[in-house]
Amino acid sequence: MSNSVNPPVRLCLPLTAAAVACALLVLEGCAAHNPQHQTKTESAAVYNTQLGIAYLNQGELALAKDKLDRAVTQDPSLPEAHSARAMLYERLGKADVADDEFRTALRLAPNDPNVINDYAVYLCQNGRTNDGVKRFEEAAKNPLYRTPEAAYTNAGVCLHAAKRDDEAKVKFIKALQVKPNFPDAVLQLASLEFQQNNFPQSRQLIDAYLTNFGENADLLLLGVRVARAQKDLVAVQRYARKLQLDFPGTDQARAVAGLDRNPG
């Protein structure tokens, strides 16, 4: 899914008011003499953080480390730089350092929902389910967070990974209460119902979304699988035809073709 607990690292890193305030305190000694230099230093830290994240996304870990280390040297109070370094150190297999960096980011920006969400992803990926879910809920309830439905969905994914499916369902339903047309939550909940052999419930979720909010390749593919499990060949053909006509050449369309070749 697109907004699961492994979201892409953010590339846009606006300097938050909290980070600016901290930077003013840290650089107060030189700011009185050269405020322009202070602004350039802060801007350089943000720029190097963005570069570091871009390199991290590309798998260039050495280059990412160089840029993020520079960013922290230029502005130790920039929470995004510490959050990005945490993700880097996780990739490097240094969990203790990653955790310290996340905690530093949260100390600098305790109410930044993006930092909180990133830490929640890290916690869930490292088996700390309760802590991760708590952080996702914290992000979701933060009025500054623009996509609370994604945080609730991520909490559900985290719980599902821990085989706590009843709790996961509650989170997916909460996400849909916030935003009924959020396809990731529909897909996760319908998939979970399918896995539990609750085929009518899964079909109802799929059809309600497709009727009210338009086509979705992942849901159409799931619809094919659910209808096959129900031995409803008419519905199988209907979902498959929509998928192949509306999303030709996609992975989902190829998956349907694979199901046709391997009906078992």
C-alpha atoms as a PDB file:
ATOM      1  CA  MET A   1       0.000   0.000   0.000  1.00  0.00           C
ATOM      2  CA  SER A   2       1.127   3.503  -0.581  1.00  0.00           C
ATOM      3  CA  ASN A   3       0.885   4.768   2.972  1.00  0.00           C
ATOM      4  CA  SER A   4       1.874   1.818   4.921  1.00  0.00           C
ATOM      5  CA  VAL A   5       4.365   1.788   7.772  1.00  0.00           C
ATOM      6  CA  ASN A   6       7.136   2.127   5.306  1.00  0.00           C
ATOM      7  CA  PRO A   7       6.397   5.524   3.724  1.00  0.00           C
ATOM      8  CA  PRO A   8       8.872   7.346   1.452  1.00  0.00           C
ATOM      9  CA  VAL A   9      11.187   9.746   3.234  1.00  0.00           C
ATOM     10  CA  ARG A  10      10.018  13.328   2.889  1.00  0.00           C
ATOM     11  CA  LEU A  11      11.965  15.494   0.470  1.00  0.00           C
ATOM     12  CA  CYS A  12      10.482  18.853   1.431  1.00  0.00           C
ATOM     13  CA  LEU A  13      11.791  19.993   4.773  1.00  0.00           C
ATOM     14  CA  PRO A  14      10.489  23.424   5.697  1.00  0.00           C
ATOM     15  CA  LEU A  15      12.237  24.874   8.704  1.00  0.00           C
ATOM     16  CA  THR A  16       9.643  24.835  11.471  1.00  0.00           C
ATOM     17  CA  ALA A  17       9.081  27.720  13.825  1.00  0.00           C
ATOM     18  CA  ALA A  18      10.331  25.567  16.676  1.00  0.00           C
ATOM     19  CA  ALA A  19      13.536  24.783  14.796  1.00  0.00           C
ATOM     20  CA  VAL A  20      14.066  28.446  14.000  1.00  0.00           C
ATOM     21  CA  ALA A  21      13.551  29.392  17.640  1.00  0.00           C
ATOM     22  CA  CYS A  22      16.074  26.810  18.776  1.00  0.00           C
ATOM     23  CA  ALA A  23      18.520  27.921  16.105  1.00  0.00           C
ATOM     24  CA  LEU A  24      18.240  31.508  17.318  1.00  0.00           C
ATOM     25  CA  LEU A  25      19.181  30.365  20.810  1.00  0.00           C
ATOM     26  CA  VAL A  26      22.069  28.217  19.660  1.00  0.00           C
ATOM     27  CA  LEU A  27      23.498  30.854  17.329  1.00  0.00           C
ATOM     28  CA  GLU A  28      22.685  33.849  19.452  1.00  0.00           C
ATOM     29  CA  GLY A  29      26.368  34.660  20.041  1.00  0.00           C
ATOM     30  CA  CYS A  30      27.168  35.204  16.366  1.00  0.00           C
ATOM     31  CA  ALA A  31      23.733  36.457  15.355  1.00  0.00           C
ATOM     32  CA  ALA A  32      24.257  39.804  17.026  1.00  0.00           C
ATOM     33  CA  HIS A  33      27.294  40.405  14.845  1.00  0.00           C
ATOM     34  CA  ASN A  34      26.135  38.861  11.587  1.00  0.00           C
ATOM     35  CA  PRO A  35      22.449  37.909  11.338  1.00  0.00           C
ATOM     36  CA  GLN A  36      22.858  37.273   7.607  1.00  0.00           C
ATOM     37  CA  HIS A  37      25.423  34.557   8.348  1.00  0.00           C
ATOM     38  CA  GLN A  38      22.952  32.906  10.707  1.00  0.00           C
ATOM     39  CA  THR A  39      20.290  32.757   8.022  1.00  0.00           C
ATOM     40  CA  LYS A  40      22.727  31.265   5.534  1.00  0.00           C
ATOM     41  CA  THR A  41      23.796  28.651   8.053  1.00  0.00           C
ATOM     42  CA  GLU A  42      20.223  27.616   8.732  1.00  0.00           C
ATOM     43  CA  SER A  43      19.462  27.488   5.020  1.00  0.00           C
ATOM     44  CA  ALA A  44      22.553  25.371   4.398  1.00  0.00           C
ATOM     45  CA  ALA A  45      21.454  22.930   7.089  1.00  0.00           C
ATOM     46  CA  VAL A  46      18.018  22.548   5.508  1.00  0.00           C
ATOM     47  CA  TYR A  47      19.545  22.137   2.050  1.00  0.00           C
ATOM     48  CA  ASN A  48      22.002  19.499   3.220  1.00  0.00           C
ATOM     49  CA  THR A  49      19.188  17.676   4.995  1.00  0.00           C
ATOM     50  CA  GLN A  50      17.200  17.591   1.771  1.00  0.00           C
ATOM     51  CA  LEU A  51      20.240  16.310  -0.121  1.00  0.00           C
ATOM     52  CA  GLY A  52      20.878  13.703   2.548  1.00  0.00           C
ATOM     53  CA  ILE A  53      17.315  12.417   2.324  1.00  0.00           C
ATOM     54  CA  ALA A  54      17.516  12.296  -1.473  1.00  0.00           C
ATOM     55  CA  TYR A  55      20.707  10.224  -1.254  1.00  0.00           C
ATOM     56  CA  LEU A  56      19.095   8.020   1.385  1.00  0.00           C
ATOM     57  CA  ASN A  57      16.166   7.334  -0.944  1.00  0.00           C
ATOM     58  CA  GLN A  58      18.629   6.411  -3.677  1.00  0.00           C
ATOM     59  CA  GLY A  59      20.513   4.023  -1.397  1.00  0.00           C
ATOM     60  CA  GLU A  60      23.672   6.167  -1.416  1.00  0.00           C
ATOM     61  CA  LEU A  61      24.257   5.801   2.294  1.00  0.00           C
ATOM     62  CA  ALA A  62      27.792   7.220   2.432  1.00  0.00           C
ATOM     63  CA  LEU A  63      26.745  10.388   0.615  1.00  0.00           C
ATOM     64  CA  ALA A  64      23.622  10.640   2.752  1.00  0.00           C
ATOM     65  CA  LYS A  65      25.692  10.420   5.921  1.00  0.00           C
ATOM     66  CA  ASP A  66      28.059  13.134   4.717  1.00  0.00           C
ATOM     67  CA  LYS A  67      25.222  15.570   3.983  1.00  0.00           C
ATOM     68  CA  LEU A  68      23.270  14.819   7.146  1.00  0.00           C
ATOM     69  CA  ASP A  69      26.361  15.102   9.330  1.00  0.00           C
ATOM     70  CA  ARG A  70      27.021  18.488   7.762  1.00  0.00           C
ATOM     71  CA  ALA A  71      23.435  19.568   8.396  1.00  0.00           C
ATOM     72  CA  VAL A  72      23.653  18.681  12.079  1.00  0.00           C
ATOM     73  CA  THR A  73      26.984  20.502  12.384  1.00  0.00           C
ATOM     74  CA  GLN A  74      25.509  23.586  10.726  1.00  0.00           C
ATOM     75  CA  ASP A  75      22.336  23.559  12.805  1.00  0.00           C
ATOM     76  CA  PRO A  76      22.231  21.052  15.683  1.00  0.00           C
ATOM     77  CA  SER A  77      18.689  22.182  16.500  1.00  0.00           C
ATOM     78  CA  LEU A  78      17.111  21.191  13.188  1.00  0.00           C
ATOM     79  CA  PRO A  79      14.788  18.275  14.081  1.00  0.00           C
ATOM     80  CA  GLU A  80      14.396  17.101  10.481  1.00  0.00           C
ATOM     81  CA  ALA A  81      18.136  16.528  10.237  1.00  0.00           C
ATOM     82  CA  HIS A  82      18.129  14.309  13.322  1.00  0.00           C
ATOM     83  CA  SER A  83      15.041  12.434  12.122  1.00  0.00           C
ATOM     84  CA  ALA A  84      16.709  11.791   8.766  1.00  0.00           C
ATOM     85  CA  ARG A  85      19.911  10.672  10.473  1.00  0.00           C
ATOM     86  CA  ALA A  86      17.835   8.269  12.551  1.00  0.00           C
ATOM     87  CA  MET A  87      16.505   6.659   9.390  1.00  0.00           C
ATOM     88  CA  LEU A  88      20.045   6.494   8.020  1.00  0.00           C
ATOM     89  CA  TYR A  89      21.411   4.779  11.112  1.00  0.00           C
ATOM     90  CA  GLU A  90      18.545   2.314  11.029  1.00  0.00           C
ATOM     91  CA  ARG A  91      19.581   1.416   7.484  1.00  0.00           C
ATOM     92  CA  LEU A  92      23.142   1.024   8.731  1.00  0.00           C
ATOM     93  CA  GLY A  93      21.983  -1.446  11.389  1.00  0.00           C
ATOM     94  CA  LYS A  94      22.745   0.860  14.315  1.00  0.00           C
ATOM     95  CA  ALA A  95      19.425   0.742  16.155  1.00  0.00           C
ATOM     96  CA  ASP A  96      20.680   2.375  19.360  1.00  0.00           C
ATOM     97  CA  VAL A  97      22.041   5.399  17.492  1.00  0.00           C
ATOM     98  CA  ALA A  98      18.852   5.620  15.419  1.00  0.00           C
ATOM     99  CA  ASP A  99      16.740   5.673  18.569  1.00  0.00           C
ATOM    100  CA  ASP A 100      18.905   8.400  20.096  1.00  0.00           C
ATOM    101  CA  GLU A 101      18.564  10.513  16.950  1.00  0.00           C
ATOM    102  CA  PHE A 102      14.787  10.143  16.943  1.00  0.00           C
ATOM    103  CA  ARG A 103      14.638  11.124  20.595  1.00  0.00           C
ATOM    104  CA  THR A 104      16.743  14.187  19.848  1.00  0.00           C
ATOM    105  CA  ALA A 105      14.388  15.162  17.035  1.00  0.00           C
ATOM    106  CA  LEU A 106      11.388  14.743  19.343  1.00  0.00           C
ATOM    107  CA  ARG A 107      13.061  16.766  22.090  1.00  0.00           C
ATOM    108  CA  LEU A 108      13.634  19.607  19.613  1.00  0.00           C
ATOM    109  CA  ALA A 109      10.156  19.393  18.085  1.00  0.00           C
ATOM    110  CA  PRO A 110       7.895  17.470  20.486  1.00  0.00           C
ATOM    111  CA  ASN A 111       4.718  18.484  18.638  1.00  0.00           C
ATOM    112  CA  ASP A 112       5.908  17.917  15.074  1.00  0.00           C
ATOM    113  CA  PRO A 113       3.548  15.208  13.757  1.00  0.00           C
ATOM    114  CA  ASN A 114       5.874  14.270  10.894  1.00  0.00           C
ATOM    115  CA  VAL A 115       8.736  13.515  13.272  1.00  0.00           C
ATOM    116  CA  ILE A 116       6.335  11.594  15.504  1.00  0.00           C
ATOM    117  CA  ASN A 117       5.055   9.598  12.520  1.00  0.00           C
ATOM    118  CA  ASP A 118       8.593   8.769  11.357  1.00  0.00           C
ATOM    119  CA  TYR A 119       9.479   7.520  14.825  1.00  0.00           C
ATOM    120  CA  ALA A 120       6.303   5.421  14.899  1.00  0.00           C
ATOM    121  CA  VAL A 121       7.291   3.768  11.617  1.00  0.00           C
ATOM    122  CA  TYR A 122      10.708   2.986  13.076  1.00  0.00           C
ATOM    123  CA  LEU A 123       9.202   1.524  16.241  1.00  0.00           C
ATOM    124  CA  CYS A 124       6.807  -0.740  14.331  1.00  0.00           C
ATOM    125  CA  GLN A 125       9.511  -1.930  11.972  1.00  0.00           C
ATOM    126  CA  ASN A 126      11.556  -2.940  14.982  1.00  0.00           C
ATOM    127  CA  GLY A 127       8.818  -4.902  16.714  1.00  0.00           C
ATOM    128  CA  ARG A 128       7.905  -2.248  19.289  1.00  0.00           C
ATOM    129  CA  THR A 129       4.231  -2.415  18.415  1.00  0.00           C
ATOM    130  CA  ASN A 130       2.655  -0.761  21.454  1.00  0.00           C
ATOM    131  CA  ASP A 131       5.043   2.199  21.343  1.00  0.00           C
ATOM    132  CA  GLY A 132       4.596   2.552  17.588  1.00  0.00           C
ATOM    133  CA  VAL A 133       0.806   2.516  17.735  1.00  0.00           C
ATOM    134  CA  LYS A 134       0.864   5.043  20.551  1.00  0.00           C
ATOM    135  CA  ARG A 135       3.001   7.374  18.447  1.00  0.00           C
ATOM    136  CA  PHE A 136       0.791   6.957  15.372  1.00  0.00           C
ATOM    137  CA  GLU A 137      -2.242   7.891  17.454  1.00  0.00           C
ATOM    138  CA  GLU A 138      -0.356  10.880  18.830  1.00  0.00           C
ATOM    139  CA  ALA A 139       0.349  12.033  15.267  1.00  0.00           C
ATOM    140  CA  ALA A 140      -3.247  11.413  14.180  1.00  0.00           C
ATOM    141  CA  LYS A 141      -4.658  13.526  17.002  1.00  0.00           C
ATOM    142  CA  ASN A 142      -2.240  16.397  16.360  1.00  0.00           C
ATOM    143  CA  PRO A 143      -4.191  19.259  14.728  1.00  0.00           C
ATOM    144  CA  LEU A 144      -1.117  20.129  12.661  1.00  0.00           C
ATOM    145  CA  TYR A 145      -1.086  16.714  10.959  1.00  0.00           C
ATOM    146  CA  ARG A 146      -2.857  16.904   7.610  1.00  0.00           C
ATOM    147  CA  THR A 147      -3.457  13.167   7.059  1.00  0.00           C
ATOM    148  CA  PRO A 148      -4.658  11.585  10.311  1.00  0.00           C
ATOM    149  CA  GLU A 149      -6.314   8.823   8.278  1.00  0.00           C
ATOM    150  CA  ALA A 150      -2.848   7.680   7.154  1.00  0.00           C
ATOM    151  CA  ALA A 151      -1.593   7.542  10.736  1.00  0.00           C
ATOM    152  CA  TYR A 152      -4.568   5.434  11.846  1.00  0.00           C
ATOM    153  CA  THR A 153      -4.058   3.142   8.853  1.00  0.00           C
ATOM    154  CA  ASN A 154      -0.380   2.781   9.706  1.00  0.00           C
ATOM    155  CA  ALA A 155      -1.335   1.906  13.261  1.00  0.00           C
ATOM    156  CA  GLY A 156      -3.583  -0.815  11.887  1.00  0.00           C
ATOM    157  CA  VAL A 157      -0.806  -2.158   9.659  1.00  0.00           C
ATOM    158  CA  CYS A 158       1.512  -2.209  12.657  1.00  0.00           C
ATOM    159  CA  LEU A 159      -1.019  -4.196  14.697  1.00  0.00           C
ATOM    160  CA  HIS A 160      -1.738  -6.576  11.813  1.00  0.00           C
ATOM    161  CA  ALA A 161       1.984  -7.296  11.479  1.00  0.00           C
ATOM    162  CA  ALA A 162       1.927  -8.235  15.175  1.00  0.00           C
ATOM    163  CA  LYS A 163      -1.055 -10.577  14.510  1.00  0.00           C
ATOM    164  CA  ARG A 164      -3.378  -8.379  16.548  1.00  0.00           C
ATOM    165  CA  ASP A 165      -6.069  -8.317  13.891  1.00  0.00           C
ATOM    166  CA  ASP A 166      -9.072  -7.310  15.991  1.00  0.00           C
ATOM    167  CA  GLU A 167      -7.207  -4.203  17.129  1.00  0.00           C
ATOM    168  CA  ALA A 168      -6.022  -3.576  13.575  1.00  0.00           C
ATOM    169  CA  LYS A 169      -9.614  -3.531  12.330  1.00  0.00           C
ATOM    170  CA  VAL A 170     -10.493  -0.850  14.861  1.00  0.00           C
ATOM    171  CA  LYS A 171      -7.740   1.391  13.502  1.00  0.00           C
ATOM    172  CA  PHE A 172      -8.721   0.849   9.867  1.00  0.00           C
ATOM    173  CA  ILE A 173     -12.330   1.685  10.722  1.00  0.00           C
ATOM    174  CA  LYS A 174     -11.153   4.801  12.555  1.00  0.00           C
ATOM    175  CA  ALA A 175      -9.223   5.866   9.461  1.00  0.00           C
ATOM    176  CA  LEU A 176     -12.367   5.494   7.355  1.00  0.00           C
ATOM    177  CA  GLN A 177     -14.397   7.469   9.874  1.00  0.00           C
ATOM    178  CA  VAL A 178     -11.928  10.304   9.371  1.00  0.00           C
ATOM    179  CA  LYS A 179     -11.839   9.948   5.576  1.00  0.00           C
ATOM    180  CA  PRO A 180     -14.299   7.467   4.027  1.00  0.00           C
ATOM    181  CA  ASN A 181     -12.656   7.685   0.590  1.00  0.00           C
ATOM    182  CA  PHE A 182      -9.155   6.797   1.814  1.00  0.00           C
ATOM    183  CA  PRO A 183      -8.291   3.818  -0.410  1.00  0.00           C
ATOM    184  CA  ASP A 184      -5.394   2.512   1.687  1.00  0.00           C
ATOM    185  CA  ALA A 185      -7.645   1.955   4.702  1.00  0.00           C
ATOM    186  CA  VAL A 186     -10.332   0.315   2.546  1.00  0.00           C
ATOM    187  CA  LEU A 187      -7.737  -1.974   0.988  1.00  0.00           C
ATOM    188  CA  GLN A 188      -6.227  -2.938   4.325  1.00  0.00           C
ATOM    189  CA  LEU A 189      -9.594  -3.635   5.950  1.00  0.00           C
ATOM    190  CA  ALA A 190     -10.971  -5.518   2.935  1.00  0.00           C
ATOM    191  CA  SER A 191      -7.760  -7.551   2.695  1.00  0.00           C
ATOM    192  CA  LEU A 192      -7.963  -8.443   6.357  1.00  0.00           C
ATOM    193  CA  GLU A 193     -11.582  -9.565   5.989  1.00  0.00           C
ATOM    194  CA  PHE A 194     -10.537 -11.652   2.974  1.00  0.00           C
ATOM    195  CA  GLN A 195      -7.699 -13.272   4.925  1.00  0.00           C
ATOM    196  CA  GLN A 196     -10.189 -14.199   7.634  1.00  0.00           C
ATOM    197  CA  ASN A 197     -12.556 -15.718   5.029  1.00  0.00           C
ATOM    198  CA  ASN A 198     -15.134 -13.007   5.665  1.00  0.00           C
ATOM    199  CA  PHE A 199     -15.834 -12.761   1.942  1.00  0.00           C
ATOM    200  CA  PRO A 200     -19.173 -10.889   2.013  1.00  0.00           C
ATOM    201  CA  GLN A 201     -17.730  -8.203   4.274  1.00  0.00           C
ATOM    202  CA  SER A 202     -14.709  -7.837   2.019  1.00  0.00           C
ATOM    203  CA  ARG A 203     -16.866  -7.580  -1.110  1.00  0.00           C
ATOM    204  CA  GLN A 204     -19.101  -5.005   0.556  1.00  0.00           C
ATOM    205  CA  LEU A 205     -16.110  -2.770   1.339  1.00  0.00           C
ATOM    206  CA  ILE A 206     -14.729  -3.103  -2.175  1.00  0.00           C
ATOM    207  CA  ASP A 207     -18.033  -2.460  -3.935  1.00  0.00           C
ATOM    208  CA  ALA A 208     -18.923   0.487  -1.715  1.00  0.00           C
ATOM    209  CA  TYR A 209     -15.647   2.197  -2.545  1.00  0.00           C
ATOM    210  CA  LEU A 210     -15.838   1.466  -6.286  1.00  0.00           C
ATOM    211  CA  THR A 211     -19.447   2.698  -6.405  1.00  0.00           C
ATOM    212  CA  ASN A 212     -18.955   5.881  -4.419  1.00  0.00           C
ATOM    213  CA  PHE A 213     -15.382   6.956  -5.117  1.00  0.00           C
ATOM    214  CA  GLY A 214     -14.314   5.503  -8.459  1.00  0.00           C
ATOM    215  CA  GLU A 215     -12.016   2.793  -9.744  1.00  0.00           C
ATOM    216  CA  ASN A 216      -8.935   1.601  -7.877  1.00  0.00           C
ATOM    217  CA  ALA A 217      -6.573  -1.009  -9.306  1.00  0.00           C
ATOM    218  CA  ASP A 218      -5.655  -2.625  -5.986  1.00  0.00           C
ATOM    219  CA  LEU A 219      -9.288  -2.963  -4.941  1.00  0.00           C
ATOM    220  CA  LEU A 220     -10.292  -4.377  -8.318  1.00  0.00           C
ATOM    221  CA  LEU A 221      -7.575  -7.011  -8.039  1.00  0.00           C
ATOM    222  CA  LEU A 222      -8.702  -7.866  -4.533  1.00  0.00           C
ATOM    223  CA  GLY A 223     -12.267  -8.019  -5.843  1.00  0.00           C
ATOM    224  CA  VAL A 224     -11.171 -10.646  -8.371  1.00  0.00           C
ATOM    225  CA  ARG A 225      -9.601 -12.726  -5.613  1.00  0.00           C
ATOM    226  CA  VAL A 226     -12.587 -12.439  -3.290  1.00  0.00           C
ATOM    227  CA  ALA A 227     -15.054 -13.309  -6.052  1.00  0.00           C
ATOM    228  CA  ARG A 228     -12.923 -16.320  -7.045  1.00  0.00           C
ATOM    229  CA  ALA A 229     -13.017 -17.501  -3.436  1.00  0.00           C
ATOM    230  CA  GLN A 230     -16.794 -17.166  -3.547  1.00  0.00           C
ATOM    231  CA  LYS A 231     -16.894 -18.985  -6.913  1.00  0.00           C
ATOM    232  CA  ASP A 232     -18.797 -16.020  -8.344  1.00  0.00           C
ATOM    233  CA  LEU A 233     -17.527 -16.177 -11.911  1.00  0.00           C
ATOM    234  CA  VAL A 234     -19.709 -13.299 -13.115  1.00  0.00           C
ATOM    235  CA  ALA A 235     -18.194 -10.988 -10.522  1.00  0.00           C
ATOM    236  CA  VAL A 236     -14.697 -12.271 -11.310  1.00  0.00           C
ATOM    237  CA  GLN A 237     -15.173 -11.322 -14.958  1.00  0.00           C
ATOM    238  CA  ARG A 238     -16.636  -7.940 -14.044  1.00  0.00           C
ATOM    239  CA  TYR A 239     -13.742  -6.940 -11.777  1.00  0.00           C
ATOM    240  CA  ALA A 240     -11.144  -8.334 -14.191  1.00  0.00           C
ATOM    241  CA  ARG A 241     -12.642  -6.536 -17.195  1.00  0.00           C
ATOM    242  CA  LYS A 242     -12.699  -3.201 -15.363  1.00  0.00           C
ATOM    243  CA  LEU A 243      -9.107  -3.715 -14.254  1.00  0.00           C
ATOM    244  CA  GLN A 244      -7.858  -4.592 -17.725  1.00  0.00           C
ATOM    245  CA  LEU A 245      -9.777  -1.779 -19.430  1.00  0.00           C
ATOM    246  CA  ASP A 246      -9.113   0.999 -16.929  1.00  0.00           C
ATOM    247  CA  PHE A 247      -5.606   0.014 -15.800  1.00  0.00           C
ATOM    248  CA  PRO A 248      -3.964  -1.730 -18.775  1.00  0.00           C
ATOM    249  CA  GLY A 249      -0.326  -2.675 -18.430  1.00  0.00           C
ATOM    250  CA  THR A 250      -0.280  -2.282 -14.655  1.00  0.00           C
ATOM    251  CA  ASP A 251       1.082  -4.791 -12.187  1.00  0.00           C
ATOM    252  CA  GLN A 252      -2.488  -5.433 -11.051  1.00  0.00           C
ATOM    253  CA  ALA A 253      -3.673  -6.208 -14.584  1.00  0.00           C
ATOM    254  CA  ARG A 254      -0.744  -8.572 -15.068  1.00  0.00           C
ATOM    255  CA  ALA A 255      -1.585 -10.239 -11.766  1.00  0.00           C
ATOM    256  CA  VAL A 256      -5.120 -10.943 -13.007  1.00  0.00           C
ATOM    257  CA  ALA A 257      -3.701 -12.465 -16.171  1.00  0.00           C
ATOM    258  CA  GLY A 258      -1.523 -14.653 -13.973  1.00  0.00           C
ATOM    259  CA  LEU A 259      -4.555 -15.813 -12.034  1.00  0.00           C
ATOM    260  CA  ASP A 260      -6.228 -16.775 -15.308  1.00  0.00           C
ATOM    261  CA  ARG A 261      -3.216 -18.865 -16.302  1.00  0.00           C
ATOM    262  CA  ASN A 262      -3.034 -20.481 -12.872  1.00  0.00           C
ATOM    263  CA  PRO A 263      -6.639 -20.848 -11.725  1.00  0.00           C
ATOM    264  CA  GLY A 264      -5.660 -23.021  -8.761  1.00  0.00           C
END
